[in-house]
Every structure is written in structure tokens, then in C-alpha cells.
Amino acid sequence: RDGRRARSLHNWSWEAVSVAVPTSLRNALT
């Protein structure tokens, strides 16, 4: 509602990965 974009990422694998992001993102929980 405040205009901010919220995103969720889900890794569906047993392997750890790193995902490049289009803009600086902040973890909503930590």
C-alpha cells in the first residue's frame, strides 16, 4: 500500500544458491 515492492524468493533445491537482484533488497524479517 505504501508503494514499496515486496518480493519473495524460494529455493526449491537441496543446494545453496546466490541470486543476483535487480535492486538493493532488505530482508523483511532480519
Full PDB file with SEQRES, HELIX, SHEET, SSBOND, CRYST1, ORIGX, SCALE, CONECT and MASTER records, all heavy atoms in Angstrom:
SEQRES   1 A   30  ARG ASP GLY ARG ARG ALA ARG SER LEU HIS ASN TRP SER          
SEQRES   2 A   30  TRP GLU ALA VAL SER VAL ALA VAL PRO THR SER LEU ARG          
SEQRES   3 A   30  ASN ALA LEU THR                                              
CRYST1    1.000    1.000    1.000  90.00  90.00  90.00 P 1           1          
ORIGX1      1.000000  0.000000  0.000000        0.00000                         
ORIGX2      0.000000  1.000000  0.000000        0.00000                         
ORIGX3      0.000000  0.000000  1.000000        0.00000                         
SCALE1      1.000000  0.000000  0.000000        0.00000                         
SCALE2      0.000000  1.000000  0.000000        0.00000                         
SCALE3      0.000000  0.000000  1.000000        0.00000                         
ATOM      1  N   ARG A   1       0.808  -1.222   0.000  1.00  0.00           N  
ATOM      2  CA  ARG A   1       0.000   0.000   0.000  1.00  0.00           C  
ATOM      3  C   ARG A   1       0.839   1.268   0.000  1.00  0.00           C  
ATOM      4  O   ARG A   1       0.450   2.275  -0.549  1.00  0.00           O  
ATOM      5  CB  ARG A   1      -0.916   0.026   1.216  1.00  0.00           C  
ATOM      6  CG  ARG A   1      -2.058  -0.909   1.109  1.00  0.00           C  
ATOM      7  CD  ARG A   1      -2.969  -0.720   2.292  1.00  0.00           C  
ATOM      8  NE  ARG A   1      -4.040  -1.684   2.248  1.00  0.00           N  
ATOM      9  CZ  ARG A   1      -5.020  -1.711   3.102  1.00  0.00           C  
ATOM     10  NH1 ARG A   1      -5.071  -0.843   4.081  1.00  0.00           N  
ATOM     11  NH2 ARG A   1      -5.955  -2.610   2.997  1.00  0.00           N  
ATOM     12  N   ASP A   2       2.011   1.202   0.661  1.00  0.00           N  
ATOM     13  CA  ASP A   2       2.873   2.391   0.721  1.00  0.00           C  
ATOM     14  C   ASP A   2       3.713   2.567  -0.542  1.00  0.00           C  
ATOM     15  O   ASP A   2       4.527   3.466  -0.623  1.00  0.00           O  
ATOM     16  CB  ASP A   2       3.768   2.357   1.961  1.00  0.00           C  
ATOM     17  CG  ASP A   2       4.738   1.190   1.972  1.00  0.00           C  
ATOM     18  OD1 ASP A   2       4.794   0.423   0.981  1.00  0.00           O  
ATOM     19  OD2 ASP A   2       5.452   1.035   2.980  1.00  0.00           O  
ATOM     20  N   GLY A   3       3.549   1.699  -1.537  1.00  0.00           N  
ATOM     21  CA  GLY A   3       4.238   1.829  -2.810  1.00  0.00           C  
ATOM     22  C   GLY A   3       5.527   1.032  -2.918  1.00  0.00           C  
ATOM     23  O   GLY A   3       6.101   0.938  -3.991  1.00  0.00           O  
ATOM     24  N   ARG A   4       5.994   0.460  -1.809  1.00  0.00           N  
ATOM     25  CA  ARG A   4       7.218  -0.346  -1.860  1.00  0.00           C  
ATOM     26  C   ARG A   4       6.943  -1.684  -2.526  1.00  0.00           C  
ATOM     27  O   ARG A   4       5.865  -2.238  -2.397  1.00  0.00           O  
ATOM     28  CB  ARG A   4       7.778  -0.596  -0.458  1.00  0.00           C  
ATOM     29  CG  ARG A   4       8.363   0.616   0.180  1.00  0.00           C  
ATOM     30  CD  ARG A   4       8.994   0.280   1.510  1.00  0.00           C  
ATOM     31  NE  ARG A   4       7.993  -0.340   2.384  1.00  0.00           N  
ATOM     32  CZ  ARG A   4       8.278  -1.184   3.360  1.00  0.00           C  
ATOM     33  NH1 ARG A   4       9.507  -1.510   3.612  1.00  0.00           N  
ATOM     34  NH2 ARG A   4       7.314  -1.690   4.103  1.00  0.00           N  
ATOM     35  N   ARG A   5       7.958  -2.180  -3.239  1.00  0.00           N  
ATOM     36  CA  ARG A   5       7.868  -3.505  -3.838  1.00  0.00           C  
ATOM     37  C   ARG A   5       8.276  -4.553  -2.812  1.00  0.00           C  
ATOM     38  O   ARG A   5       9.291  -4.409  -2.153  1.00  0.00           O  
ATOM     39  CB  ARG A   5       8.778  -3.627  -5.052  1.00  0.00           C  
ATOM     40  CG  ARG A   5       8.455  -2.690  -6.192  1.00  0.00           C  
ATOM     41  CD  ARG A   5       7.201  -3.038  -6.921  1.00  0.00           C  
ATOM     42  NE  ARG A   5       7.339  -4.291  -7.611  1.00  0.00           N  
ATOM     43  CZ  ARG A   5       6.317  -4.936  -8.155  1.00  0.00           C  
ATOM     44  NH1 ARG A   5       5.111  -4.432  -8.090  1.00  0.00           N  
ATOM     45  NH2 ARG A   5       6.501  -6.069  -8.756  1.00  0.00           N  
ATOM     46  N   ALA A   6       7.477  -5.578  -2.647  1.00  0.00           N  
ATOM     47  CA  ALA A   6       7.796  -6.710  -1.787  1.00  0.00           C  
ATOM     48  C   ALA A   6       8.058  -7.907  -2.697  1.00  0.00           C  
ATOM     49  O   ALA A   6       7.362  -8.099  -3.691  1.00  0.00           O  
ATOM     50  CB  ALA A   6       6.639  -7.001  -0.849  1.00  0.00           C  
ATOM     51  N   ARG A   7       9.080  -8.669  -2.369  1.00  0.00           N  
ATOM     52  CA  ARG A   7       9.442  -9.825  -3.183  1.00  0.00           C  
ATOM     53  C   ARG A   7       9.647 -11.037  -2.286  1.00  0.00           C  
ATOM     54  O   ARG A   7      10.078 -10.890  -1.151  1.00  0.00           O  
ATOM     55  CB  ARG A   7      10.727  -9.565  -3.957  1.00  0.00           C  
ATOM     56  CG  ARG A   7      10.650  -8.357  -4.857  1.00  0.00           C  
ATOM     57  CD  ARG A   7      12.013  -8.058  -5.457  1.00  0.00           C  
ATOM     58  NE  ARG A   7      12.043  -6.784  -6.121  1.00  0.00           N  
ATOM     59  CZ  ARG A   7      11.768  -6.581  -7.398  1.00  0.00           C  
ATOM     60  NH1 ARG A   7      11.414  -7.601  -8.152  1.00  0.00           N  
ATOM     61  NH2 ARG A   7      11.821  -5.391  -7.937  1.00  0.00           N  
ATOM     62  N   SER A   8       9.355 -12.205  -2.803  1.00  0.00           N  
ATOM     63  CA  SER A   8       9.675 -13.435  -2.090  1.00  0.00           C  
ATOM     64  C   SER A   8      10.506 -14.308  -3.021  1.00  0.00           C  
ATOM     65  O   SER A   8      10.233 -14.394  -4.215  1.00  0.00           O  
ATOM     66  CB  SER A   8       8.420 -14.166  -1.625  1.00  0.00           C  
ATOM     67  OG  SER A   8       7.701 -14.654  -2.727  1.00  0.00           O  
ATOM     68  N   LEU A   9      11.533 -14.915  -2.465  1.00  0.00           N  
ATOM     69  CA  LEU A   9      12.379 -15.841  -3.200  1.00  0.00           C  
ATOM     70  C   LEU A   9      12.311 -17.193  -2.511  1.00  0.00           C  
ATOM     71  O   LEU A   9      12.359 -17.271  -1.287  1.00  0.00           O  
ATOM     72  CB  LEU A   9      13.840 -15.363  -3.199  1.00  0.00           C  
ATOM     73  CG  LEU A   9      14.163 -14.115  -3.972  1.00  0.00           C  
ATOM     74  CD1 LEU A   9      15.618 -13.732  -3.762  1.00  0.00           C  
ATOM     75  CD2 LEU A   9      13.897 -14.326  -5.444  1.00  0.00           C  
ATOM     76  N   HIS A  10      12.189 -18.256  -3.296  1.00  0.00           N  
ATOM     77  CA  HIS A  10      12.140 -19.612  -2.745  1.00  0.00           C  
ATOM     78  C   HIS A  10      13.109 -20.484  -3.535  1.00  0.00           C  
ATOM     79  O   HIS A  10      12.996 -20.593  -4.748  1.00  0.00           O  
ATOM     80  CB  HIS A  10      10.729 -20.182  -2.849  1.00  0.00           C  
ATOM     81  CG  HIS A  10      10.584 -21.490  -2.142  1.00  0.00           C  
ATOM     82  ND1 HIS A  10       9.411 -21.877  -1.578  1.00  0.00           N  
ATOM     83  CD2 HIS A  10      11.444 -22.499  -1.890  1.00  0.00           C  
ATOM     84  CE1 HIS A  10       9.558 -23.079  -1.017  1.00  0.00           C  
ATOM     85  NE2 HIS A  10      10.798 -23.466  -1.215  1.00  0.00           N  
ATOM     86  N   ASN A  11      14.042 -21.109  -2.823  1.00  0.00           N  
ATOM     87  CA  ASN A  11      14.966 -22.061  -3.429  1.00  0.00           C  
ATOM     88  C   ASN A  11      14.369 -23.456  -3.274  1.00  0.00           C  
ATOM     89  O   ASN A  11      14.242 -23.960  -2.169  1.00  0.00           O  
ATOM     90  CB  ASN A  11      16.338 -21.981  -2.744  1.00  0.00           C  
ATOM     91  CG  ASN A  11      17.339 -22.929  -3.359  1.00  0.00           C  
ATOM     92  OD1 ASN A  11      17.123 -23.476  -4.425  1.00  0.00           O  
ATOM     93  ND2 ASN A  11      18.445 -23.133  -2.677  1.00  0.00           N  
ATOM     94  N   TRP A  12      14.021 -24.091  -4.375  1.00  0.00           N  
ATOM     95  CA  TRP A  12      13.379 -25.406  -4.371  1.00  0.00           C  
ATOM     96  C   TRP A  12      14.396 -26.532  -4.504  1.00  0.00           C  
ATOM     97  O   TRP A  12      14.109 -27.554  -5.101  1.00  0.00           O  
ATOM     98  CB  TRP A  12      12.389 -25.484  -5.530  1.00  0.00           C  
ATOM     99  CG  TRP A  12      11.268 -24.534  -5.427  1.00  0.00           C  
ATOM    100  CD1 TRP A  12      11.227 -23.256  -5.898  1.00  0.00           C  
ATOM    101  CD2 TRP A  12      10.005 -24.758  -4.813  1.00  0.00           C  
ATOM    102  NE1 TRP A  12      10.031 -22.675  -5.618  1.00  0.00           N  
ATOM    103  CE2 TRP A  12       9.249 -23.583  -4.938  1.00  0.00           C  
ATOM    104  CE3 TRP A  12       9.434 -25.839  -4.153  1.00  0.00           C  
ATOM    105  CZ2 TRP A  12       7.962 -23.464  -4.443  1.00  0.00           C  
ATOM    106  CZ3 TRP A  12       8.151 -25.708  -3.664  1.00  0.00           C  
ATOM    107  CH2 TRP A  12       7.431 -24.535  -3.818  1.00  0.00           C  
ATOM    108  N   SER A  13      15.591 -26.365  -3.971  1.00  0.00           N  
ATOM    109  CA  SER A  13      16.668 -27.323  -4.180  1.00  0.00           C  
ATOM    110  C   SER A  13      17.382 -27.649  -2.867  1.00  0.00           C  
ATOM    111  O   SER A  13      17.305 -26.895  -1.905  1.00  0.00           O  
ATOM    112  CB  SER A  13      17.669 -26.726  -5.171  1.00  0.00           C  
ATOM    113  OG  SER A  13      18.856 -27.464  -5.218  1.00  0.00           O  
ATOM    114  N   TRP A  14      18.129 -28.752  -2.874  1.00  0.00           N  
ATOM    115  CA  TRP A  14      18.971 -29.106  -1.736  1.00  0.00           C  
ATOM    116  C   TRP A  14      20.287 -28.339  -1.763  1.00  0.00           C  
ATOM    117  O   TRP A  14      21.072 -28.409  -0.827  1.00  0.00           O  
ATOM    118  CB  TRP A  14      19.260 -30.603  -1.731  1.00  0.00           C  
ATOM    119  CG  TRP A  14      18.081 -31.427  -1.355  1.00  0.00           C  
ATOM    120  CD1 TRP A  14      17.300 -32.155  -2.206  1.00  0.00           C  
ATOM    121  CD2 TRP A  14      17.535 -31.609  -0.052  1.00  0.00           C  
ATOM    122  NE1 TRP A  14      16.299 -32.774  -1.509  1.00  0.00           N  
ATOM    123  CE2 TRP A  14      16.422 -32.459  -0.172  1.00  0.00           C  
ATOM    124  CE3 TRP A  14      17.875 -31.134   1.203  1.00  0.00           C  
ATOM    125  CZ2 TRP A  14      15.663 -32.841   0.912  1.00  0.00           C  
ATOM    126  CZ3 TRP A  14      17.110 -31.526   2.289  1.00  0.00           C  
ATOM    127  CH2 TRP A  14      16.020 -32.372   2.126  1.00  0.00           C  
ATOM    128  N   GLU A  15      20.567 -27.626  -2.834  1.00  0.00           N  
ATOM    129  CA  GLU A  15      21.817 -26.887  -2.989  1.00  0.00           C  
ATOM    130  C   GLU A  15      21.631 -25.420  -2.619  1.00  0.00           C  
ATOM    131  O   GLU A  15      20.622 -24.809  -2.967  1.00  0.00           O  
ATOM    132  CB  GLU A  15      22.303 -26.965  -4.444  1.00  0.00           C  
ATOM    133  CG  GLU A  15      22.445 -28.381  -4.972  1.00  0.00           C  
ATOM    134  CD  GLU A  15      23.496 -29.185  -4.225  1.00  0.00           C  
ATOM    135  OE1 GLU A  15      24.519 -28.605  -3.831  1.00  0.00           O  
ATOM    136  OE2 GLU A  15      23.270 -30.398  -4.032  1.00  0.00           O  
ATOM    137  N   ALA A  16      22.614 -24.835  -1.937  1.00  0.00           N  
ATOM    138  CA  ALA A  16      22.595 -23.401  -1.654  1.00  0.00           C  
ATOM    139  C   ALA A  16      22.908 -22.646  -2.947  1.00  0.00           C  
ATOM    140  O   ALA A  16      23.688 -23.120  -3.768  1.00  0.00           O  
ATOM    141  CB  ALA A  16      23.623 -23.064  -0.585  1.00  0.00           C  
ATOM    142  N   VAL A  17      22.265 -21.503  -3.143  1.00  0.00           N  
ATOM    143  CA  VAL A  17      22.492 -20.693  -4.343  1.00  0.00           C  
ATOM    144  C   VAL A  17      22.571 -19.218  -3.949  1.00  0.00           C  
ATOM    145  O   VAL A  17      22.171 -18.826  -2.850  1.00  0.00           O  
ATOM    146  CB  VAL A  17      21.369 -20.874  -5.395  1.00  0.00           C  
ATOM    147  CG1 VAL A  17      21.319 -22.301  -5.894  1.00  0.00           C  
ATOM    148  CG2 VAL A  17      20.030 -20.459  -4.854  1.00  0.00           C  
ATOM    149  N   SER A  18      23.067 -18.416  -4.867  1.00  0.00           N  
ATOM    150  CA  SER A  18      23.084 -16.968  -4.702  1.00  0.00           C  
ATOM    151  C   SER A  18      22.407 -16.382  -5.933  1.00  0.00           C  
ATOM    152  O   SER A  18      22.726 -16.761  -7.062  1.00  0.00           O  
ATOM    153  CB  SER A  18      24.522 -16.465  -4.592  1.00  0.00           C  
ATOM    154  OG  SER A  18      24.537 -15.079  -4.402  1.00  0.00           O  
ATOM    155  N   VAL A  19      21.440 -15.481  -5.715  1.00  0.00           N  
ATOM    156  CA  VAL A  19      20.660 -14.928  -6.809  1.00  0.00           C  
ATOM    157  C   VAL A  19      20.949 -13.435  -6.941  1.00  0.00           C  
ATOM    158  O   VAL A  19      20.784 -12.681  -5.980  1.00  0.00           O  
ATOM    159  CB  VAL A  19      19.147 -15.142  -6.541  1.00  0.00           C  
ATOM    160  CG1 VAL A  19      18.315 -14.522  -7.633  1.00  0.00           C  
ATOM    161  CG2 VAL A  19      18.844 -16.607  -6.384  1.00  0.00           C  
ATOM    162  N   ALA A  20      21.381 -13.020  -8.131  1.00  0.00           N  
ATOM    163  CA  ALA A  20      21.596 -11.598  -8.392  1.00  0.00           C  
ATOM    164  C   ALA A  20      20.242 -10.890  -8.355  1.00  0.00           C  
ATOM    165  O   ALA A  20      19.231 -11.427  -8.813  1.00  0.00           O  
ATOM    166  CB  ALA A  20      22.253 -11.405  -9.750  1.00  0.00           C  
ATOM    167  N   VAL A  21      20.206  -9.683  -7.790  1.00  0.00           N  
ATOM    168  CA  VAL A  21      18.954  -8.945  -7.666  1.00  0.00           C  
ATOM    169  C   VAL A  21      19.018  -7.644  -8.479  1.00  0.00           C  
ATOM    170  O   VAL A  21      20.092  -7.071  -8.638  1.00  0.00           O  
ATOM    171  CB  VAL A  21      18.611  -8.648  -6.185  1.00  0.00           C  
ATOM    172  CG1 VAL A  21      18.303  -9.940  -5.454  1.00  0.00           C  
ATOM    173  CG2 VAL A  21      19.734  -7.920  -5.485  1.00  0.00           C  
ATOM    174  N   PRO A  22      17.867  -7.198  -9.007  1.00  0.00           N  
ATOM    175  CA  PRO A  22      17.851  -6.006  -9.855  1.00  0.00           C  
ATOM    176  C   PRO A  22      18.049  -4.693  -9.093  1.00  0.00           C  
ATOM    177  O   PRO A  22      18.384  -3.680  -9.686  1.00  0.00           O  
ATOM    178  CB  PRO A  22      16.475  -6.058 -10.516  1.00  0.00           C  
ATOM    179  CG  PRO A  22      15.638  -6.842  -9.563  1.00  0.00           C  
ATOM    180  CD  PRO A  22      16.561  -7.834  -8.918  1.00  0.00           C  
ATOM    181  N   THR A  23      17.816  -4.715  -7.795  1.00  0.00           N  
ATOM    182  CA  THR A  23      17.968  -3.530  -6.965  1.00  0.00           C  
ATOM    183  C   THR A  23      18.320  -3.981  -5.552  1.00  0.00           C  
ATOM    184  O   THR A  23      18.121  -5.141  -5.215  1.00  0.00           O  
ATOM    185  CB  THR A  23      16.675  -2.680  -6.956  1.00  0.00           C  
ATOM    186  OG1 THR A  23      16.905  -1.481  -6.242  1.00  0.00           O  
ATOM    187  CG2 THR A  23      15.508  -3.426  -6.352  1.00  0.00           C  
ATOM    188  N   SER A  24      18.828  -3.093  -4.740  1.00  0.00           N  
ATOM    189  CA  SER A  24      19.171  -3.438  -3.365  1.00  0.00           C  
ATOM    190  C   SER A  24      17.909  -3.832  -2.607  1.00  0.00           C  
ATOM    191  O   SER A  24      16.904  -3.125  -2.645  1.00  0.00           O  
ATOM    192  CB  SER A  24      19.840  -2.234  -2.695  1.00  0.00           C  
ATOM    193  OG  SER A  24      20.217  -2.540  -1.387  1.00  0.00           O  
ATOM    194  N   LEU A  25      17.973  -4.991  -1.927  1.00  0.00           N  
ATOM    195  CA  LEU A  25      16.809  -5.507  -1.203  1.00  0.00           C  
ATOM    196  C   LEU A  25      17.139  -5.668   0.268  1.00  0.00           C  
ATOM    197  O   LEU A  25      18.275  -5.897   0.649  1.00  0.00           O  
ATOM    198  CB  LEU A  25      16.369  -6.840  -1.789  1.00  0.00           C  
ATOM    199  CG  LEU A  25      15.933  -6.831  -3.249  1.00  0.00           C  
ATOM    200  CD1 LEU A  25      15.659  -8.241  -3.728  1.00  0.00           C  
ATOM    201  CD2 LEU A  25      14.716  -5.951  -3.447  1.00  0.00           C  
ATOM    202  N   ARG A  26      16.105  -5.562   1.116  1.00  0.00           N  
ATOM    203  CA  ARG A  26      16.244  -5.705   2.566  1.00  0.00           C  
ATOM    204  C   ARG A  26      15.358  -6.870   3.020  1.00  0.00           C  
ATOM    205  O   ARG A  26      14.188  -6.961   2.642  1.00  0.00           O  
ATOM    206  CB  ARG A  26      15.806  -4.416   3.246  1.00  0.00           C  
ATOM    207  CG  ARG A  26      15.892  -4.436   4.768  1.00  0.00           C  
ATOM    208  CD  ARG A  26      15.508  -3.099   5.368  1.00  0.00           C  
ATOM    209  NE  ARG A  26      16.393  -2.038   4.944  1.00  0.00           N  
ATOM    210  CZ  ARG A  26      17.532  -1.706   5.564  1.00  0.00           C  
ATOM    211  NH1 ARG A  26      17.910  -2.366   6.628  1.00  0.00           N  
ATOM    212  NH2 ARG A  26      18.273  -0.719   5.118  1.00  0.00           N  
ATOM    213  N   ASN A  27      15.921  -7.756   3.841  1.00  0.00           N  
ATOM    214  CA  ASN A  27      15.174  -8.875   4.391  1.00  0.00           C  
ATOM    215  C   ASN A  27      14.110  -8.333   5.339  1.00  0.00           C  
ATOM    216  O   ASN A  27      14.420  -7.601   6.277  1.00  0.00           O  
ATOM    217  CB  ASN A  27      16.125  -9.826   5.123  1.00  0.00           C  
ATOM    218  CG  ASN A  27      15.468 -11.115   5.531  1.00  0.00           C  
ATOM    219  OD1 ASN A  27      14.366 -11.113   6.073  1.00  0.00           O  
ATOM    220  ND2 ASN A  27      16.149 -12.214   5.287  1.00  0.00           N  
ATOM    221  N   ALA A  28      12.863  -8.683   5.118  1.00  0.00           N  
ATOM    222  CA  ALA A  28      11.756  -8.150   5.912  1.00  0.00           C  
ATOM    223  C   ALA A  28      11.776  -8.659   7.352  1.00  0.00           C  
ATOM    224  O   ALA A  28      11.231  -8.005   8.239  1.00  0.00           O  
ATOM    225  CB  ALA A  28      10.421  -8.504   5.262  1.00  0.00           C  
ATOM    226  N   LEU A  29      12.422  -9.789   7.620  1.00  0.00           N  
ATOM    227  CA  LEU A  29      12.437 -10.347   8.969  1.00  0.00           C  
ATOM    228  C   LEU A  29      13.694  -9.994   9.756  1.00  0.00           C  
ATOM    229  O   LEU A  29      13.630  -9.753  10.949  1.00  0.00           O  
ATOM    230  CB  LEU A  29      12.281 -11.869   8.906  1.00  0.00           C  
ATOM    231  CG  LEU A  29      10.995 -12.363   8.259  1.00  0.00           C  
ATOM    232  CD1 LEU A  29      11.017 -13.883   8.153  1.00  0.00           C  
ATOM    233  CD2 LEU A  29       9.790 -11.903   9.037  1.00  0.00           C  
ATOM    234  N   THR A  30      14.858  -9.980   9.089  1.00  0.00           N  
ATOM    235  CA  THR A  30      16.120  -9.755   9.799  1.00  0.00           C  
ATOM    236  C   THR A  30      16.698  -8.366   9.588  1.00  0.00           C  
ATOM    237  O   THR A  30      17.662  -7.999  10.236  1.00  0.00           O  
ATOM    238  CB  THR A  30      17.184 -10.774   9.359  1.00  0.00           C  
ATOM    239  OG1 THR A  30      17.513 -10.532   7.982  1.00  0.00           O  
ATOM    240  CG2 THR A  30      16.695 -12.195   9.563  1.00  0.00           C  
TER     241      THR A  30                                                      
MASTER        0    0    0    0    0    0    0    6  240    1    0    3          
END                                                                             
